[in-house]
Amino acid sequence: MNLDLSLSAAELTARLVDVESVSGNEHQLADAIVDAIASLPHLSMHRDGNAIVARTELGRSERVVLAGHIDTVPVAGNLPSRLDGDLLYGCGSCDMKSGVAVQLRLAAQVTSAVRDVTYVFYDCEEVEAERNGLLRLSRNRPELLAADFAVLMEPTAATVEGGCQGTLRADVVAGGERAHSARSWLGSNAIHNAGGILDVLRAYQARQPVVDGLGYHEGLNAIGIRGGVAGNVIPDECVVSVNFRFAPDRSQQLAADHVREVFSGFEVQITDSASGARPGLGRPAAATFVAAMGGEARAKLGWTDVARFDALGIPAVNYGPGDPTLAHRRDEHVPVAQIAECESRLLAWLAG
């Protein structure tokens, strides 16, 4: 497959969407990106599996990373892409092949700028963390990601979204005593006892803190429940799985402590956790970027890979075309005009 970087960003988005790249199946698209970048003599390139890093070496005093994932969630009857008026539909059009198209257009156009640029295209963002291509790069070649500032091209409807929430999953266990269902009074029904866990969740008042000037909204919710032994047995265990989305002023440990405190009286098993990232918009590189993108910023309500840059000590924000509420939907789409807007603003910022 040939990626023609002289196409408009919208046309290039359609080409990218039409290459199916569900997580784990990014090889064809990664090959096409490598071939396209190889024709750009002003960039050096490194490949790690299906993750690609391309860098300018202009000797500037500041370096910025523009990063985007090339995988998508499973296709839902929404390939190939289609254009309906100003809206481009298709799997990954919003999350985030339109952002990747902008990256590629910038890579082709920006041969000299006031900042050195590192373009990162990576795999397996939509699946479990250990498969994430950006995480792999940070472990294998962290020097390739070194920068003063990073922009993750996640869909934000062309508004800067600072930082991200952390996320924690836990199993909250209600115990009981097993008995024959014909003599239920001799036991204690764990499923009934789990009602206490649900009562806690219904009464929970979510915190809405302001962190570095941006307002976050936490949430603690049940995401699954399991219990039961057989049709004639009173169960002795019922597990309610919960997800805690926490503001970036809490560490993973503080988040875990909070969940254990909320469910005091129940056994709590932490099953998964990922740190959030503070916005850091007061840092000069971030403040300059926000001003160049229109002067507005809001909190990122969700987890993104800005947290990986934060762990490397690199301030990072989310910025890209597409409404994030449309991500992963069957009718996923992106406004063509918004793709062009993001490209134009980033081009002007890089040019100074």
Protein backbone atom coordinates (compact mmCIF):
# COMPACT_ATOMS: atom_id res chain seq x y z
CA MET A 1 0.00 0.00 0.00
CA ASN A 2 1.24 3.50 -0.88
CA LEU A 3 0.55 6.48 1.39
CA ASP A 4 0.67 9.65 -0.71
CA LEU A 5 1.61 12.41 1.76
CA SER A 6 0.74 15.09 -0.79
CA LEU A 7 -2.95 14.27 -0.30
CA SER A 8 -4.99 16.50 1.99
CA ALA A 9 -5.12 15.40 5.61
CA ALA A 10 -8.76 14.35 5.15
CA GLU A 11 -7.97 12.27 2.05
CA LEU A 12 -5.02 10.73 3.87
CA THR A 13 -7.29 9.92 6.82
CA ALA A 14 -9.59 7.99 4.51
CA ARG A 15 -6.62 6.01 3.14
CA LEU A 16 -5.49 5.17 6.69
CA VAL A 17 -9.00 4.16 7.76
CA ASP A 18 -9.30 1.80 4.80
CA VAL A 19 -6.30 -0.20 6.05
CA GLU A 20 -7.78 -2.39 8.78
CA SER A 21 -5.46 -2.21 11.80
CA VAL A 22 -7.27 -3.71 14.77
CA SER A 23 -4.87 -4.05 17.72
CA GLY A 24 -2.34 -6.77 16.93
CA ASN A 25 -2.88 -6.45 13.18
CA GLU A 26 -1.03 -3.18 12.52
CA HIS A 27 1.76 -4.63 10.39
CA GLN A 28 0.44 -3.55 6.97
CA LEU A 29 -0.22 0.00 8.12
CA ALA A 30 3.14 0.21 9.92
CA ASP A 31 4.88 -0.93 6.73
CA ALA A 32 3.08 1.78 4.75
CA ILE A 33 4.07 4.46 7.26
CA VAL A 34 7.70 3.31 7.16
CA ASP A 35 7.71 3.45 3.34
CA ALA A 36 6.23 6.95 3.37
CA ILE A 37 8.67 8.29 5.94
CA ALA A 38 11.65 6.68 4.20
CA SER A 39 11.09 9.11 1.32
CA LEU A 40 11.59 12.11 3.64
CA PRO A 41 15.35 12.81 3.83
CA HIS A 42 15.06 15.34 6.68
CA LEU A 43 13.91 12.61 9.11
CA SER A 44 15.85 9.81 10.78
CA MET A 45 13.77 6.71 11.50
CA HIS A 46 13.69 3.81 13.97
CA ARG A 47 11.26 0.90 14.06
CA ASP A 48 10.44 -1.32 17.04
CA GLY A 49 7.93 -3.96 15.99
CA ASN A 50 4.96 -1.98 14.70
CA ALA A 51 6.02 1.23 16.44
CA ILE A 52 7.86 3.87 14.41
CA VAL A 53 9.84 6.89 15.56
CA ALA A 54 10.90 9.61 13.09
CA ARG A 55 12.97 12.59 14.20
CA THR A 56 14.29 15.87 12.85
CA GLU A 57 17.86 16.69 13.83
CA LEU A 58 17.94 20.48 13.44
CA GLY A 59 19.84 21.25 16.64
CA ARG A 60 17.03 23.38 18.06
CA SER A 61 16.92 24.26 21.76
CA GLU A 62 13.49 22.61 22.19
CA ARG A 63 12.11 19.27 21.06
CA VAL A 64 8.45 18.26 20.90
CA VAL A 65 6.95 14.80 20.46
CA LEU A 66 3.81 14.32 18.35
CA ALA A 67 2.47 10.84 19.11
CA GLY A 68 -0.44 8.78 17.85
CA HIS A 69 -1.52 5.15 17.91
CA ILE A 70 -2.23 3.36 14.65
CA ASP A 71 -4.46 0.58 15.97
CA THR A 72 -8.24 0.59 16.33
CA VAL A 73 -10.89 -1.29 18.24
CA PRO A 74 -12.55 -4.19 16.35
CA VAL A 75 -14.37 -3.25 13.15
CA ALA A 76 -18.14 -2.90 13.55
CA GLY A 77 -19.32 -2.99 9.94
CA ASN A 78 -17.80 0.48 9.50
CA LEU A 79 -15.19 -0.16 6.80
CA PRO A 80 -14.39 1.09 4.23
CA SER A 81 -14.53 4.80 5.00
CA ARG A 82 -17.25 6.98 3.52
CA LEU A 83 -17.70 10.73 3.17
CA ASP A 84 -21.09 12.26 3.99
CA GLY A 85 -20.95 16.01 3.49
CA ASP A 86 -18.23 17.33 5.82
CA LEU A 87 -18.13 14.14 7.90
CA LEU A 88 -15.73 11.27 7.28
CA TYR A 89 -17.03 7.96 8.68
CA GLY A 90 -15.14 4.77 9.40
CA CYS A 91 -13.46 2.67 12.07
CA GLY A 92 -10.65 4.74 13.58
CA SER A 93 -11.60 7.93 11.74
CA CYS A 94 -11.94 9.76 15.06
CA ASP A 95 -9.78 7.55 17.29
CA MET A 96 -7.29 8.32 15.92
CA LYS A 97 -6.36 7.98 12.28
CA SER A 98 -7.28 11.60 11.57
CA GLY A 99 -4.65 12.59 14.15
CA VAL A 100 -2.15 10.20 12.56
CA ALA A 101 -2.90 11.74 9.15
CA VAL A 102 -2.09 15.17 10.58
CA GLN A 103 1.20 13.79 11.96
CA LEU A 104 2.15 12.39 8.57
CA ARG A 105 1.27 15.63 6.78
CA LEU A 106 3.40 17.60 9.24
CA ALA A 107 6.27 15.12 8.88
CA ALA A 108 6.25 15.73 5.13
CA GLN A 109 5.94 19.53 5.30
CA VAL A 110 8.04 20.59 8.29
CA THR A 111 11.60 20.45 7.00
CA SER A 112 12.78 23.41 9.08
CA ALA A 113 11.11 24.72 12.24
CA VAL A 114 11.79 26.55 15.48
CA ARG A 115 11.50 23.21 17.31
CA ASP A 116 12.91 19.79 16.62
CA VAL A 117 10.11 17.27 16.21
CA THR A 118 9.81 13.59 17.05
CA TYR A 119 6.92 11.78 15.39
CA VAL A 120 5.82 8.58 17.14
CA PHE A 121 3.39 6.10 15.56
CA TYR A 122 2.69 3.13 17.83
CA ASP A 123 0.69 -0.06 18.13
CA CYS A 124 -1.64 -1.77 20.62
CA GLU A 125 -3.00 1.25 22.48
CA GLU A 126 -6.54 -0.12 22.56
CA VAL A 127 -5.64 -3.30 24.47
CA GLU A 128 -3.94 -4.27 27.73
CA ALA A 129 -1.09 -2.04 28.85
CA GLU A 130 1.70 -4.60 28.55
CA ARG A 131 1.21 -4.76 24.75
CA ASN A 132 1.32 -0.97 24.33
CA GLY A 133 3.91 0.11 21.75
CA LEU A 134 4.65 3.40 23.48
CA LEU A 135 5.37 1.55 26.72
CA ARG A 136 7.66 -0.80 24.79
CA LEU A 137 9.54 2.14 23.28
CA SER A 138 9.90 3.78 26.70
CA ARG A 139 11.54 0.59 27.95
CA ASN A 140 13.65 -0.31 24.90
CA ARG A 141 14.69 3.11 23.57
CA PRO A 142 13.71 5.87 26.04
CA GLU A 143 16.27 8.22 24.48
CA LEU A 144 14.15 8.32 21.31
CA LEU A 145 11.26 9.79 23.31
CA ALA A 146 13.33 12.45 25.12
CA ALA A 147 11.69 15.86 24.68
CA ASP A 148 10.68 19.09 26.38
CA PHE A 149 6.99 18.63 25.60
CA ALA A 150 4.66 16.05 24.04
CA VAL A 151 1.34 16.21 22.23
CA LEU A 152 -0.77 13.06 22.07
CA MET A 153 -2.99 13.30 19.00
CA GLU A 154 -6.02 11.84 20.75
CA PRO A 155 -9.43 13.15 19.63
CA THR A 156 -10.28 16.30 21.60
CA ALA A 157 -12.44 18.21 19.08
CA ALA A 158 -9.43 20.47 18.48
CA THR A 159 -9.35 21.70 22.09
CA VAL A 160 -6.35 21.13 24.36
CA GLU A 161 -7.10 18.58 27.07
CA GLY A 162 -4.59 18.62 29.90
CA GLY A 163 -3.37 15.62 31.85
CA CYS A 164 -5.57 12.59 32.32
CA GLN A 165 -7.37 10.65 35.02
CA GLY A 166 -5.91 7.60 36.64
CA THR A 167 -7.82 4.36 36.57
CA LEU A 168 -8.09 1.52 39.08
CA ARG A 169 -10.07 -1.70 39.00
CA ALA A 170 -10.83 -3.74 42.09
CA ASP A 171 -12.86 -6.75 43.16
CA VAL A 172 -14.97 -6.15 46.26
CA VAL A 173 -15.91 -9.44 47.88
CA ALA A 174 -19.07 -10.16 49.86
CA GLY A 175 -18.78 -13.35 51.90
CA GLY A 176 -21.41 -15.80 53.10
CA GLU A 177 -21.86 -19.37 54.19
CA ARG A 178 -22.71 -22.16 51.76
CA ALA A 179 -25.86 -24.22 52.40
CA HIS A 180 -28.49 -26.24 50.57
CA SER A 181 -31.08 -23.93 49.08
CA ALA A 182 -33.83 -26.05 50.62
CA ARG A 183 -32.44 -25.09 54.02
CA SER A 184 -31.25 -21.57 53.21
CA TRP A 185 -31.60 -20.39 56.80
CA LEU A 186 -28.63 -22.57 57.70
CA GLY A 187 -26.36 -20.49 55.47
CA SER A 188 -25.71 -16.86 54.53
CA ASN A 189 -26.33 -15.77 50.94
CA ALA A 190 -23.30 -13.88 49.63
CA ILE A 191 -25.26 -12.47 46.68
CA HIS A 192 -27.76 -10.94 49.09
CA ASN A 193 -24.89 -9.63 51.20
CA ALA A 194 -23.44 -7.92 48.13
CA GLY A 195 -26.34 -5.50 48.41
CA GLY A 196 -24.20 -3.66 50.96
CA ILE A 197 -21.56 -3.05 48.28
CA LEU A 198 -24.17 -1.68 45.90
CA ASP A 199 -25.56 0.55 48.66
CA VAL A 200 -22.09 2.06 49.09
CA LEU A 201 -21.84 2.72 45.35
CA ARG A 202 -25.29 4.30 45.14
CA ALA A 203 -24.47 6.65 48.02
CA TYR A 204 -20.96 7.53 46.81
CA GLN A 205 -20.32 11.25 46.28
CA ALA A 206 -17.67 11.73 43.61
CA ARG A 207 -14.99 14.35 44.19
CA GLN A 208 -14.62 17.15 41.62
CA PRO A 209 -11.19 18.65 42.34
CA VAL A 210 -9.41 21.40 40.46
CA VAL A 211 -5.87 20.32 39.54
CA ASP A 212 -3.49 22.85 38.01
CA GLY A 213 -6.46 25.01 37.11
CA LEU A 214 -8.52 22.30 35.38
CA GLY A 215 -11.65 20.70 36.82
CA TYR A 216 -11.76 16.89 37.04
CA HIS A 217 -14.70 14.66 37.92
CA GLU A 218 -13.95 11.36 39.65
CA GLY A 219 -16.19 8.31 39.44
CA LEU A 220 -16.57 5.00 41.27
CA ASN A 221 -18.84 2.48 39.56
CA ALA A 222 -19.69 -1.20 39.43
CA ILE A 223 -18.62 -2.72 36.11
CA GLY A 224 -19.40 -6.38 36.77
CA ILE A 225 -20.74 -8.87 39.27
CA ARG A 226 -20.27 -12.60 39.63
CA GLY A 227 -21.48 -15.17 42.10
CA GLY A 228 -23.35 -18.43 42.43
CA VAL A 229 -22.41 -22.09 42.68
CA ALA A 230 -25.33 -24.18 41.47
CA GLY A 231 -29.10 -24.09 41.25
CA ASN A 232 -29.50 -25.70 44.67
CA VAL A 233 -26.68 -24.01 46.62
CA ILE A 234 -26.67 -20.85 48.72
CA PRO A 235 -23.46 -19.12 47.52
CA ASP A 236 -20.69 -18.26 49.93
CA GLU A 237 -19.04 -15.59 47.76
CA CYS A 238 -20.14 -12.77 45.47
CA VAL A 239 -17.69 -10.41 43.78
CA VAL A 240 -18.53 -6.91 42.55
CA SER A 241 -15.91 -5.48 40.19
CA VAL A 242 -15.55 -1.70 40.41
CA ASN A 243 -13.70 0.92 38.40
CA PHE A 244 -12.38 4.05 40.08
CA ARG A 245 -11.47 6.95 37.79
CA PHE A 246 -9.41 9.28 39.92
CA ALA A 247 -8.06 12.80 39.47
CA PRO A 248 -4.31 13.17 38.87
CA ASP A 249 -3.72 14.69 42.31
CA ARG A 250 -4.03 11.14 43.68
CA SER A 251 -1.27 8.55 43.28
CA GLN A 252 -2.13 4.92 42.57
CA GLN A 253 -1.48 4.15 46.23
CA LEU A 254 -3.78 6.93 47.44
CA ALA A 255 -6.46 5.75 45.01
CA ALA A 256 -6.17 2.17 46.32
CA ASP A 257 -6.29 3.40 49.91
CA HIS A 258 -9.43 5.39 49.12
CA VAL A 259 -11.22 2.41 47.58
CA ARG A 260 -10.33 0.20 50.57
CA GLU A 261 -11.62 2.91 52.92
CA VAL A 262 -14.88 3.31 50.99
CA PHE A 263 -15.50 -0.44 51.17
CA SER A 264 -14.29 -0.96 54.73
CA GLY A 265 -15.90 -4.11 56.06
CA PHE A 266 -15.47 -5.90 52.74
CA GLU A 267 -12.47 -7.67 51.26
CA VAL A 268 -10.94 -5.53 48.47
CA GLN A 269 -8.56 -6.94 45.87
CA ILE A 270 -6.89 -4.41 43.54
CA THR A 271 -6.73 -6.04 40.10
CA ASP A 272 -5.36 -3.26 37.86
CA SER A 273 -4.17 0.31 38.21
CA ALA A 274 -2.63 3.08 36.10
CA SER A 275 -1.46 6.53 37.18
CA GLY A 276 -3.00 9.70 35.86
CA ALA A 277 -1.02 12.73 34.72
CA ARG A 278 -1.15 16.27 36.02
CA PRO A 279 -1.82 18.91 33.33
CA GLY A 280 1.40 20.86 33.91
CA LEU A 281 0.02 23.73 31.85
CA GLY A 282 2.09 26.23 33.78
CA ARG A 283 5.29 24.98 32.19
CA PRO A 284 6.48 27.31 29.40
CA ALA A 285 6.27 24.80 26.54
CA ALA A 286 2.73 23.78 27.52
CA ALA A 287 1.53 27.37 28.06
CA THR A 288 2.89 28.40 24.66
CA PHE A 289 1.13 25.47 23.02
CA VAL A 290 -2.23 26.22 24.64
CA ALA A 291 -2.02 29.84 23.51
CA ALA A 292 -1.18 28.78 19.95
CA MET A 293 -4.12 26.36 19.84
CA GLY A 294 -6.67 28.99 20.80
CA GLY A 295 -6.02 29.65 24.48
CA GLU A 296 -8.54 27.19 25.91
CA ALA A 297 -7.89 24.00 27.85
CA ARG A 298 -10.00 21.51 29.74
CA ALA A 299 -9.34 18.40 31.79
CA LYS A 300 -9.03 15.03 30.09
CA LEU A 301 -11.75 12.84 31.57
CA GLY A 302 -10.28 9.45 30.80
CA TRP A 303 -6.88 7.76 30.72
CA THR A 304 -4.49 8.33 27.83
CA ASP A 305 -0.81 7.78 27.13
CA VAL A 306 0.03 11.29 28.33
CA ALA A 307 0.54 9.39 31.60
CA ARG A 308 3.47 7.54 30.00
CA PHE A 309 5.13 10.83 29.07
CA ASP A 310 4.43 12.15 32.55
CA ALA A 311 6.24 9.10 33.98
CA LEU A 312 9.23 10.04 31.80
CA GLY A 313 9.18 13.58 33.19
CA ILE A 314 7.83 15.08 29.95
CA PRO A 315 4.84 17.45 30.20
CA ALA A 316 2.16 16.36 27.74
CA VAL A 317 -1.31 17.28 26.54
CA ASN A 318 -3.99 15.72 24.35
CA TYR A 319 -4.90 17.55 21.15
CA GLY A 320 -6.41 16.28 17.91
CA PRO A 321 -9.39 16.24 15.57
CA GLY A 322 -12.56 14.33 16.41
CA ASP A 323 -15.12 14.26 19.21
CA PRO A 324 -13.86 11.81 21.87
CA THR A 325 -17.44 10.76 22.69
CA LEU A 326 -17.67 9.23 19.18
CA ALA A 327 -14.63 7.00 19.67
CA HIS A 328 -15.31 3.24 19.38
CA ARG A 329 -18.87 3.78 18.12
CA ARG A 330 -20.28 2.07 15.05
CA ASP A 331 -21.00 5.53 13.57
CA GLU A 332 -17.55 6.90 14.45
CA HIS A 333 -16.75 9.95 12.33
CA VAL A 334 -14.69 13.13 12.18
CA PRO A 335 -15.40 16.56 10.62
CA VAL A 336 -13.12 17.15 7.63
CA ALA A 337 -12.79 20.84 8.54
CA GLN A 338 -11.51 19.93 12.01
CA ILE A 339 -8.72 17.80 10.56
CA ALA A 340 -7.59 20.76 8.46
CA GLU A 341 -7.85 23.08 11.47
CA CYS A 342 -5.57 20.90 13.59
CA GLU A 343 -3.03 20.60 10.79
CA SER A 344 -3.00 24.35 10.19
CA ARG A 345 -2.60 25.26 13.86
CA LEU A 346 0.17 22.73 14.48
CA LEU A 347 1.98 23.78 11.33
CA ALA A 348 1.94 27.42 12.44
CA TRP A 349 3.11 26.49 15.96
CA LEU A 350 6.03 24.42 14.71
CA ALA A 351 7.02 27.17 12.31
CA GLY A 352 7.00 29.68 15.18
